[in-house]
């Protein structure tokens, strides 16, 4: 299981209505893949970017143009939850 799969599973436990748009399957190994994450209760969209679906992730949101990096699965879960409006700690 890739890190992104674990992040999405944990986020969906916290936010059952979470919408995740996964990147299309590509054949270019050097292209970064971007996952778009949105919850229907907010207008915020969060993007996780990784070349292979594993840490580290570059994270951006529609609220702030600043890019942050998550070095671990737990960091990614907490950062995305905070951006979506939930400050719960990762489980």
PDB file of N, CA and C in Angstrom:
ATOM      1  N   UNK A   1       0.844  -1.180   0.000  1.00  0.00           N
ATOM      2  CA  UNK A   1       0.000   0.000   0.000  1.00  0.00           C
ATOM      3  C   UNK A   1       0.892   1.248   0.000  1.00  0.00           C
ATOM      4  N   UNK A   2       0.603   2.169  -0.911  1.00  0.00           N
ATOM      5  CA  UNK A   2       1.369   3.411  -0.961  1.00  0.00           C
ATOM      6  C   UNK A   2       0.971   4.335   0.184  1.00  0.00           C
ATOM      7  N   UNK A   3       1.836   5.293   0.480  1.00  0.00           N
ATOM      8  CA  UNK A   3       1.558   6.250   1.549  1.00  0.00           C
ATOM      9  C   UNK A   3       0.274   7.021   1.287  1.00  0.00           C
ATOM     10  N   UNK A   4       0.022   7.427   0.036  1.00  0.00           N
ATOM     11  CA  UNK A   4      -1.176   8.199  -0.287  1.00  0.00           C
ATOM     12  C   UNK A   4      -2.436   7.400   0.032  1.00  0.00           C
ATOM     13  N   UNK A   5      -2.398   6.093  -0.156  1.00  0.00           N
ATOM     14  CA  UNK A   5      -3.553   5.249   0.156  1.00  0.00           C
ATOM     15  C   UNK A   5      -3.848   5.262   1.648  1.00  0.00           C
ATOM     16  N   UNK A   6      -2.797   5.246   2.451  1.00  0.00           N
ATOM     17  CA  UNK A   6      -2.968   5.304   3.902  1.00  0.00           C
ATOM     18  C   UNK A   6      -3.488   6.672   4.333  1.00  0.00           C
ATOM     19  N   UNK A   7      -2.991   7.734   3.696  1.00  0.00           N
ATOM     20  CA  UNK A   7      -3.447   9.092   4.009  1.00  0.00           C
ATOM     21  C   UNK A   7      -4.933   9.220   3.685  1.00  0.00           C
ATOM     22  N   UNK A   8      -5.328   8.785   2.498  1.00  0.00           N
ATOM     23  CA  UNK A   8      -6.733   8.896   2.088  1.00  0.00           C
ATOM     24  C   UNK A   8      -7.635   8.057   2.984  1.00  0.00           C
ATOM     25  N   UNK A   9      -7.214   6.856   3.333  1.00  0.00           N
ATOM     26  CA  UNK A   9      -8.016   6.002   4.219  1.00  0.00           C
ATOM     27  C   UNK A   9      -8.238   6.677   5.567  1.00  0.00           C
ATOM     28  N   UNK A  10      -7.180   7.236   6.146  1.00  0.00           N
ATOM     29  CA  UNK A  10      -7.294   7.912   7.444  1.00  0.00           C
ATOM     30  C   UNK A  10      -8.172   9.158   7.338  1.00  0.00           C
ATOM     31  N   UNK A  11      -8.020   9.915   6.269  1.00  0.00           N
ATOM     32  CA  UNK A  11      -8.835  11.122   6.090  1.00  0.00           C
ATOM     33  C   UNK A  11     -10.308  10.765   5.906  1.00  0.00           C
ATOM     34  N   UNK A  12     -10.591   9.692   5.197  1.00  0.00           N
ATOM     35  CA  UNK A  12     -11.991   9.278   4.999  1.00  0.00           C
ATOM     36  C   UNK A  12     -12.616   8.764   6.297  1.00  0.00           C
ATOM     37  N   UNK A  13     -11.795   8.239   7.203  1.00  0.00           N
ATOM     38  CA  UNK A  13     -12.326   7.851   8.517  1.00  0.00           C
ATOM     39  C   UNK A  13     -12.790   9.092   9.273  1.00  0.00           C
ATOM     40  N   UNK A  14     -12.028  10.173   9.168  1.00  0.00           N
ATOM     41  CA  UNK A  14     -12.363  11.433   9.842  1.00  0.00           C
ATOM     42  C   UNK A  14     -13.474  12.185   9.138  1.00  0.00           C
ATOM     43  N   UNK A  15     -13.468  12.121   7.831  1.00  0.00           N
ATOM     44  CA  UNK A  15     -14.401  12.886   6.993  1.00  0.00           C
ATOM     45  C   UNK A  15     -15.041  11.922   5.990  1.00  0.00           C
ATOM     46  N   UNK A  16     -16.106  11.217   6.395  1.00  0.00           N
ATOM     47  CA  UNK A  16     -16.686  10.190   5.512  1.00  0.00           C
ATOM     48  C   UNK A  16     -17.155  10.711   4.151  1.00  0.00           C
ATOM     49  N   UNK A  17     -17.515  11.983   4.055  1.00  0.00           N
ATOM     50  CA  UNK A  17     -18.016  12.531   2.797  1.00  0.00           C
ATOM     51  C   UNK A  17     -16.918  13.105   1.913  1.00  0.00           C
ATOM     52  N   UNK A  18     -15.681  12.834   2.256  1.00  0.00           N
ATOM     53  CA  UNK A  18     -14.543  13.392   1.541  1.00  0.00           C
ATOM     54  C   UNK A  18     -14.560  12.988   0.069  1.00  0.00           C
ATOM     55  N   UNK A  19     -14.277  13.959  -0.796  1.00  0.00           N
ATOM     56  CA  UNK A  19     -14.150  13.688  -2.231  1.00  0.00           C
ATOM     57  C   UNK A  19     -12.671  13.704  -2.584  1.00  0.00           C
ATOM     58  N   UNK A  20     -12.208  12.643  -3.215  1.00  0.00           N
ATOM     59  CA  UNK A  20     -10.806  12.553  -3.630  1.00  0.00           C
ATOM     60  C   UNK A  20     -10.780  12.259  -5.123  1.00  0.00           C
ATOM     61  N   UNK A  21     -10.116  13.157  -5.845  1.00  0.00           N
ATOM     62  CA  UNK A  21      -9.921  12.940  -7.286  1.00  0.00           C
ATOM     63  C   UNK A  21      -8.482  12.475  -7.470  1.00  0.00           C
ATOM     64  N   UNK A  22      -8.351  11.234  -7.865  1.00  0.00           N
ATOM     65  CA  UNK A  22      -7.023  10.654  -8.047  1.00  0.00           C
ATOM     66  C   UNK A  22      -6.525  10.938  -9.458  1.00  0.00           C
ATOM     67  N   UNK A  23      -5.204  11.029  -9.614  1.00  0.00           N
ATOM     68  CA  UNK A  23      -4.664  11.308 -10.945  1.00  0.00           C
ATOM     69  C   UNK A  23      -4.922  10.146 -11.897  1.00  0.00           C
ATOM     70  N   UNK A  24      -5.063  10.471 -13.178  1.00  0.00           N
ATOM     71  CA  UNK A  24      -5.211   9.378 -14.148  1.00  0.00           C
ATOM     72  C   UNK A  24      -3.920   8.575 -14.228  1.00  0.00           C
ATOM     73  N   UNK A  25      -4.035   7.347 -14.631  1.00  0.00           N
ATOM     74  CA  UNK A  25      -2.858   6.507 -14.788  1.00  0.00           C
ATOM     75  C   UNK A  25      -2.031   7.040 -15.952  1.00  0.00           C
ATOM     76  N   UNK A  26      -0.761   7.285 -15.675  1.00  0.00           N
ATOM     77  CA  UNK A  26       0.132   7.778 -16.735  1.00  0.00           C
ATOM     78  C   UNK A  26       1.288   6.810 -16.888  1.00  0.00           C
ATOM     79  N   UNK A  27       1.992   6.968 -17.958  1.00  0.00           N
ATOM     80  CA  UNK A  27       3.136   6.101 -18.206  1.00  0.00           C
ATOM     81  C   UNK A  27       4.460   6.815 -17.990  1.00  0.00           C
ATOM     82  N   UNK A  28       4.415   8.122 -17.783  1.00  0.00           N
ATOM     83  CA  UNK A  28       5.651   8.886 -17.570  1.00  0.00           C
ATOM     84  C   UNK A  28       6.055   8.792 -16.102  1.00  0.00           C
ATOM     85  N   UNK A  29       7.135   8.112 -15.845  1.00  0.00           N
ATOM     86  CA  UNK A  29       7.570   7.861 -14.467  1.00  0.00           C
ATOM     87  C   UNK A  29       8.059   9.119 -13.762  1.00  0.00           C
ATOM     88  N   UNK A  30       8.446  10.144 -14.509  1.00  0.00           N
ATOM     89  CA  UNK A  30       8.991  11.333 -13.872  1.00  0.00           C
ATOM     90  C   UNK A  30       7.941  12.421 -13.629  1.00  0.00           C
ATOM     91  N   UNK A  31       6.699  12.200 -14.008  1.00  0.00           N
ATOM     92  CA  UNK A  31       5.635  13.179 -13.767  1.00  0.00           C
ATOM     93  C   UNK A  31       5.115  13.040 -12.345  1.00  0.00           C
ATOM     94  N   UNK A  32       4.919  14.184 -11.681  1.00  0.00           N
ATOM     95  CA  UNK A  32       4.302  14.147 -10.362  1.00  0.00           C
ATOM     96  C   UNK A  32       2.810  13.876 -10.511  1.00  0.00           C
ATOM     97  N   UNK A  33       2.287  13.136  -9.580  1.00  0.00           N
ATOM     98  CA  UNK A  33       0.860  12.869  -9.537  1.00  0.00           C
ATOM     99  C   UNK A  33       0.250  13.795  -8.498  1.00  0.00           C
ATOM    100  N   UNK A  34      -0.963  14.276  -8.769  1.00  0.00           N
ATOM    101  CA  UNK A  34      -1.636  15.194  -7.855  1.00  0.00           C
ATOM    102  C   UNK A  34      -2.988  14.617  -7.485  1.00  0.00           C
ATOM    103  N   UNK A  35      -3.256  14.567  -6.188  1.00  0.00           N
ATOM    104  CA  UNK A  35      -4.549  14.146  -5.660  1.00  0.00           C
ATOM    105  C   UNK A  35      -5.269  15.394  -5.175  1.00  0.00           C
ATOM    106  N   UNK A  36      -6.516  15.587  -5.602  1.00  0.00           N
ATOM    107  CA  UNK A  36      -7.335  16.724  -5.200  1.00  0.00           C
ATOM    108  C   UNK A  36      -8.313  16.245  -4.141  1.00  0.00           C
ATOM    109  N   UNK A  37      -8.308  16.915  -2.987  1.00  0.00           N
ATOM    110  CA  UNK A  37      -9.129  16.491  -1.859  1.00  0.00           C
ATOM    111  C   UNK A  37     -10.042  17.636  -1.466  1.00  0.00           C
ATOM    112  N   UNK A  38     -11.336  17.325  -1.336  1.00  0.00           N
ATOM    113  CA  UNK A  38     -12.315  18.344  -0.993  1.00  0.00           C
ATOM    114  C   UNK A  38     -13.402  17.708  -0.136  1.00  0.00           C
ATOM    115  N   UNK A  39     -13.903  18.494   0.804  1.00  0.00           N
ATOM    116  CA  UNK A  39     -15.040  18.058   1.616  1.00  0.00           C
ATOM    117  C   UNK A  39     -16.233  18.924   1.228  1.00  0.00           C
ATOM    118  N   UNK A  40     -17.414  18.338   1.083  1.00  0.00           N
ATOM    119  CA  UNK A  40     -18.572  19.114   0.643  1.00  0.00           C
ATOM    120  C   UNK A  40     -18.964  20.256   1.585  1.00  0.00           C
ATOM    121  N   UNK A  41     -18.533  20.216   2.834  1.00  0.00           N
ATOM    122  CA  UNK A  41     -18.920  21.253   3.786  1.00  0.00           C
ATOM    123  C   UNK A  41     -18.047  22.505   3.699  1.00  0.00           C
ATOM    124  N   UNK A  42     -17.050  22.497   2.821  1.00  0.00           N
ATOM    125  CA  UNK A  42     -16.150  23.638   2.698  1.00  0.00           C
ATOM    126  C   UNK A  42     -15.824  23.892   1.226  1.00  0.00           C
ATOM    127  N   UNK A  43     -15.424  25.114   0.928  1.00  0.00           N
ATOM    128  CA  UNK A  43     -15.025  25.434  -0.446  1.00  0.00           C
ATOM    129  C   UNK A  43     -13.530  25.190  -0.658  1.00  0.00           C
ATOM    130  N   UNK A  44     -12.844  24.781   0.382  1.00  0.00           N
ATOM    131  CA  UNK A  44     -11.395  24.573   0.311  1.00  0.00           C
ATOM    132  C   UNK A  44     -11.089  23.283  -0.453  1.00  0.00           C
ATOM    133  N   UNK A  45     -10.124  23.383  -1.353  1.00  0.00           N
ATOM    134  CA  UNK A  45      -9.611  22.197  -2.031  1.00  0.00           C
ATOM    135  C   UNK A  45      -8.138  22.063  -1.669  1.00  0.00           C
ATOM    136  N   UNK A  46      -7.734  20.865  -1.309  1.00  0.00           N
ATOM    137  CA  UNK A  46      -6.348  20.594  -0.943  1.00  0.00           C
ATOM    138  C   UNK A  46      -5.750  19.677  -2.003  1.00  0.00           C
ATOM    139  N   UNK A  47      -4.495  19.936  -2.348  1.00  0.00           N
ATOM    140  CA  UNK A  47      -3.793  19.112  -3.329  1.00  0.00           C
ATOM    141  C   UNK A  47      -2.568  18.479  -2.679  1.00  0.00           C
ATOM    142  N   UNK A  48      -2.419  17.188  -2.878  1.00  0.00           N
ATOM    143  CA  UNK A  48      -1.213  16.476  -2.463  1.00  0.00           C
ATOM    144  C   UNK A  48      -0.481  16.067  -3.725  1.00  0.00           C
ATOM    145  N   UNK A  49       0.796  16.354  -3.765  1.00  0.00           N
ATOM    146  CA  UNK A  49       1.597  16.070  -4.953  1.00  0.00           C
ATOM    147  C   UNK A  49       2.766  15.170  -4.570  1.00  0.00           C
ATOM    148  N   UNK A  50       2.985  14.141  -5.384  1.00  0.00           N
ATOM    149  CA  UNK A  50       4.077  13.202  -5.155  1.00  0.00           C
ATOM    150  C   UNK A  50       4.367  12.488  -6.473  1.00  0.00           C
ATOM    151  N   UNK A  51       5.620  12.181  -6.748  1.00  0.00           N
ATOM    152  CA  UNK A  51       5.919  11.482  -7.997  1.00  0.00           C
ATOM    153  C   UNK A  51       5.471  10.023  -8.010  1.00  0.00           C
ATOM    154  N   UNK A  52       5.315   9.432  -6.820  1.00  0.00           N
ATOM    155  CA  UNK A  52       5.015   8.008  -6.778  1.00  0.00           C
ATOM    156  C   UNK A  52       3.959   7.613  -5.745  1.00  0.00           C
ATOM    157  N   UNK A  53       3.313   8.591  -5.129  1.00  0.00           N
ATOM    158  CA  UNK A  53       2.285   8.290  -4.134  1.00  0.00           C
ATOM    159  C   UNK A  53       2.847   8.028  -2.752  1.00  0.00           C
ATOM    160  N   UNK A  54       4.131   8.262  -2.572  1.00  0.00           N
ATOM    161  CA  UNK A  54       4.758   8.059  -1.272  1.00  0.00           C
ATOM    162  C   UNK A  54       5.359   9.365  -0.764  1.00  0.00           C
ATOM    163  N   UNK A  55       5.608   9.410   0.538  1.00  0.00           N
ATOM    164  CA  UNK A  55       6.201  10.585   1.162  1.00  0.00           C
ATOM    165  C   UNK A  55       7.566  10.854   0.561  1.00  0.00           C
ATOM    166  N   UNK A  56       7.951  12.101   0.553  1.00  0.00           N
ATOM    167  CA  UNK A  56       7.262  13.285   1.062  1.00  0.00           C
ATOM    168  C   UNK A  56       6.221  13.786   0.056  1.00  0.00           C
ATOM    169  N   UNK A  57       5.227  14.520   0.603  1.00  0.00           N
ATOM    170  CA  UNK A  57       4.196  15.134  -0.217  1.00  0.00           C
ATOM    171  C   UNK A  57       4.371  16.639  -0.194  1.00  0.00           C
ATOM    172  N   UNK A  58       4.105  17.274  -1.315  1.00  0.00           N
ATOM    173  CA  UNK A  58       3.972  18.717  -1.348  1.00  0.00           C
ATOM    174  C   UNK A  58       2.465  18.970  -1.249  1.00  0.00           C
ATOM    175  N   UNK A  59       2.074  19.869  -0.343  1.00  0.00           N
ATOM    176  CA  UNK A  59       0.657  20.107  -0.093  1.00  0.00           C
ATOM    177  C   UNK A  59       0.347  21.581  -0.317  1.00  0.00           C
ATOM    178  N   UNK A  60      -0.734  21.827  -1.029  1.00  0.00           N
ATOM    179  CA  UNK A  60      -1.230  23.179  -1.278  1.00  0.00           C
ATOM    180  C   UNK A  60      -2.731  23.185  -1.022  1.00  0.00           C
ATOM    181  N   UNK A  61      -3.272  24.389  -0.747  1.00  0.00           N
ATOM    182  CA  UNK A  61      -4.716  24.512  -0.635  1.00  0.00           C
ATOM    183  C   UNK A  61      -5.180  25.739  -1.404  1.00  0.00           C
ATOM    184  N   UNK A  62      -6.474  25.761  -1.689  1.00  0.00           N
ATOM    185  CA  UNK A  62      -7.047  26.895  -2.402  1.00  0.00           C
ATOM    186  C   UNK A  62      -7.122  28.137  -1.516  1.00  0.00           C
ATOM    187  N   UNK A  63      -6.914  27.983  -0.223  1.00  0.00           N
ATOM    188  CA  UNK A  63      -6.933  29.119   0.708  1.00  0.00           C
ATOM    189  C   UNK A  63      -5.637  29.904   0.730  1.00  0.00           C
ATOM    190  N   UNK A  64      -4.537  29.199   0.446  1.00  0.00           N
ATOM    191  CA  UNK A  64      -3.234  29.813   0.623  1.00  0.00           C
ATOM    192  C   UNK A  64      -2.290  29.303  -0.471  1.00  0.00           C
ATOM    193  N   UNK A  65      -1.623  30.199  -1.177  1.00  0.00           N
ATOM    194  CA  UNK A  65      -0.722  29.747  -2.242  1.00  0.00           C
ATOM    195  C   UNK A  65       0.584  29.119  -1.729  1.00  0.00           C
ATOM    196  N   UNK A  66       0.816  29.207  -0.421  1.00  0.00           N
ATOM    197  CA  UNK A  66       2.042  28.648   0.154  1.00  0.00           C
ATOM    198  C   UNK A  66       2.039  27.126   0.048  1.00  0.00           C
ATOM    199  N   UNK A  67       3.170  26.572  -0.352  1.00  0.00           N
ATOM    200  CA  UNK A  67       3.325  25.121  -0.437  1.00  0.00           C
ATOM    201  C   UNK A  67       4.036  24.642   0.812  1.00  0.00           C
ATOM    202  N   UNK A  68       3.535  23.561   1.378  1.00  0.00           N
ATOM    203  CA  UNK A  68       4.171  22.963   2.549  1.00  0.00           C
ATOM    204  C   UNK A  68       4.529  21.526   2.190  1.00  0.00           C
ATOM    205  N   UNK A  69       5.444  20.964   2.953  1.00  0.00           N
ATOM    206  CA  UNK A  69       5.878  19.595   2.702  1.00  0.00           C
ATOM    207  C   UNK A  69       5.564  18.727   3.920  1.00  0.00           C
ATOM    208  N   UNK A  70       5.066  17.553   3.653  1.00  0.00           N
ATOM    209  CA  UNK A  70       4.816  16.565   4.702  1.00  0.00           C
ATOM    210  C   UNK A  70       5.800  15.423   4.493  1.00  0.00           C
ATOM    211  N   UNK A  71       6.622  15.193   5.495  1.00  0.00           N
ATOM    212  CA  UNK A  71       7.648  14.154   5.395  1.00  0.00           C
ATOM    213  C   UNK A  71       7.129  12.777   5.793  1.00  0.00           C
ATOM    214  N   UNK A  72       5.945  12.745   6.443  1.00  0.00           N
ATOM    215  CA  UNK A  72       5.414  11.465   6.915  1.00  0.00           C
ATOM    216  C   UNK A  72       3.910  11.391   6.658  1.00  0.00           C
ATOM    217  N   UNK A  73       3.378  10.199   6.781  1.00  0.00           N
ATOM    218  CA  UNK A  73       1.945   9.982   6.610  1.00  0.00           C
ATOM    219  C   UNK A  73       1.174  10.785   7.649  1.00  0.00           C
ATOM    220  N   UNK A  74       1.599  10.740   8.894  1.00  0.00           N
ATOM    221  CA  UNK A  74       0.921  11.469   9.966  1.00  0.00           C
ATOM    222  C   UNK A  74       0.906  12.968   9.724  1.00  0.00           C
ATOM    223  N   UNK A  75       2.037  13.503   9.262  1.00  0.00           N
ATOM    224  CA  UNK A  75       2.092  14.935   8.946  1.00  0.00           C
ATOM    225  C   UNK A  75       1.109  15.283   7.834  1.00  0.00           C
ATOM    226  N   UNK A  76       1.048  14.468   6.814  1.00  0.00           N
ATOM    227  CA  UNK A  76       0.137  14.726   5.703  1.00  0.00           C
ATOM    228  C   UNK A  76      -1.312  14.703   6.176  1.00  0.00           C
ATOM    229  N   UNK A  77      -1.666  13.724   6.998  1.00  0.00           N
ATOM    230  CA  UNK A  77      -3.035  13.621   7.509  1.00  0.00           C
ATOM    231  C   UNK A  77      -3.388  14.863   8.325  1.00  0.00           C
ATOM    232  N   UNK A  78      -2.503  15.254   9.227  1.00  0.00           N
ATOM    233  CA  UNK A  78      -2.783  16.411  10.082  1.00  0.00           C
ATOM    234  C   UNK A  78      -2.856  17.702   9.286  1.00  0.00           C
ATOM    235  N   UNK A  79      -1.952  17.883   8.314  1.00  0.00           N
ATOM    236  CA  UNK A  79      -1.958  19.108   7.509  1.00  0.00           C
ATOM    237  C   UNK A  79      -3.231  19.216   6.680  1.00  0.00           C
ATOM    238  N   UNK A  80      -3.616  18.130   6.029  1.00  0.00           N
ATOM    239  CA  UNK A  80      -4.828  18.161   5.203  1.00  0.00           C
ATOM    240  C   UNK A  80      -6.052  18.378   6.081  1.00  0.00           C
ATOM    241  N   UNK A  81      -6.136  17.703   7.226  1.00  0.00           N
ATOM    242  CA  UNK A  81      -7.275  17.888   8.127  1.00  0.00           C
ATOM    243  C   UNK A  81      -7.375  19.332   8.591  1.00  0.00           C
ATOM    244  N   UNK A  82      -6.243  19.925   8.926  1.00  0.00           N
ATOM    245  CA  UNK A  82      -6.236  21.322   9.355  1.00  0.00           C
ATOM    246  C   UNK A  82      -6.713  22.224   8.219  1.00  0.00           C
ATOM    247  N   UNK A  83      -6.231  21.984   7.021  1.00  0.00           N
ATOM    248  CA  UNK A  83      -6.633  22.794   5.874  1.00  0.00           C
ATOM    249  C   UNK A  83      -8.119  22.662   5.571  1.00  0.00           C
ATOM    250  N   UNK A  84      -8.666  21.468   5.826  1.00  0.00           N
ATOM    251  CA  UNK A  84     -10.093  21.252   5.603  1.00  0.00           C
ATOM    252  C   UNK A  84     -10.948  21.753   6.755  1.00  0.00           C
ATOM    253  N   UNK A  85     -10.285  22.142   7.856  1.00  0.00           N
ATOM    254  CA  UNK A  85     -11.032  22.704   8.979  1.00  0.00           C
ATOM    255  C   UNK A  85     -11.168  21.785  10.159  1.00  0.00           C
ATOM    256  N   UNK A  86     -10.389  20.709  10.220  1.00  0.00           N
ATOM    257  CA  UNK A  86     -10.411  19.795  11.358  1.00  0.00           C
ATOM    258  C   UNK A  86      -9.011  19.722  11.936  1.00  0.00           C
ATOM    259  N   UNK A  87      -8.883  20.031  13.229  1.00  0.00           N
ATOM    260  CA  UNK A  87      -7.578  20.010  13.883  1.00  0.00           C
ATOM    261  C   UNK A  87      -7.317  18.718  14.641  1.00  0.00           C
ATOM    262  N   UNK A  88      -8.101  17.665  14.384  1.00  0.00           N
ATOM    263  CA  UNK A  88      -7.927  16.400  15.091  1.00  0.00           C
ATOM    264  C   UNK A  88      -6.535  15.846  14.825  1.00  0.00           C
ATOM    265  N   UNK A  89      -5.963  15.175  15.802  1.00  0.00           N
ATOM    266  CA  UNK A  89      -4.667  14.516  15.632  1.00  0.00           C
ATOM    267  C   UNK A  89      -4.846  13.244  14.827  1.00  0.00           C
ATOM    268  N   UNK A  90      -3.813  12.851  14.128  1.00  0.00           N
ATOM    269  CA  UNK A  90      -3.844  11.605  13.347  1.00  0.00           C
ATOM    270  C   UNK A  90      -3.963  10.425  14.275  1.00  0.00           C
ATOM    271  N   UNK A  91      -4.721   9.431  13.832  1.00  0.00           N
ATOM    272  CA  UNK A  91      -4.883   8.220  14.635  1.00  0.00           C
ATOM    273  C   UNK A  91      -3.973   7.137  14.168  1.00  0.00           C
TER     274      UNK A  91
END
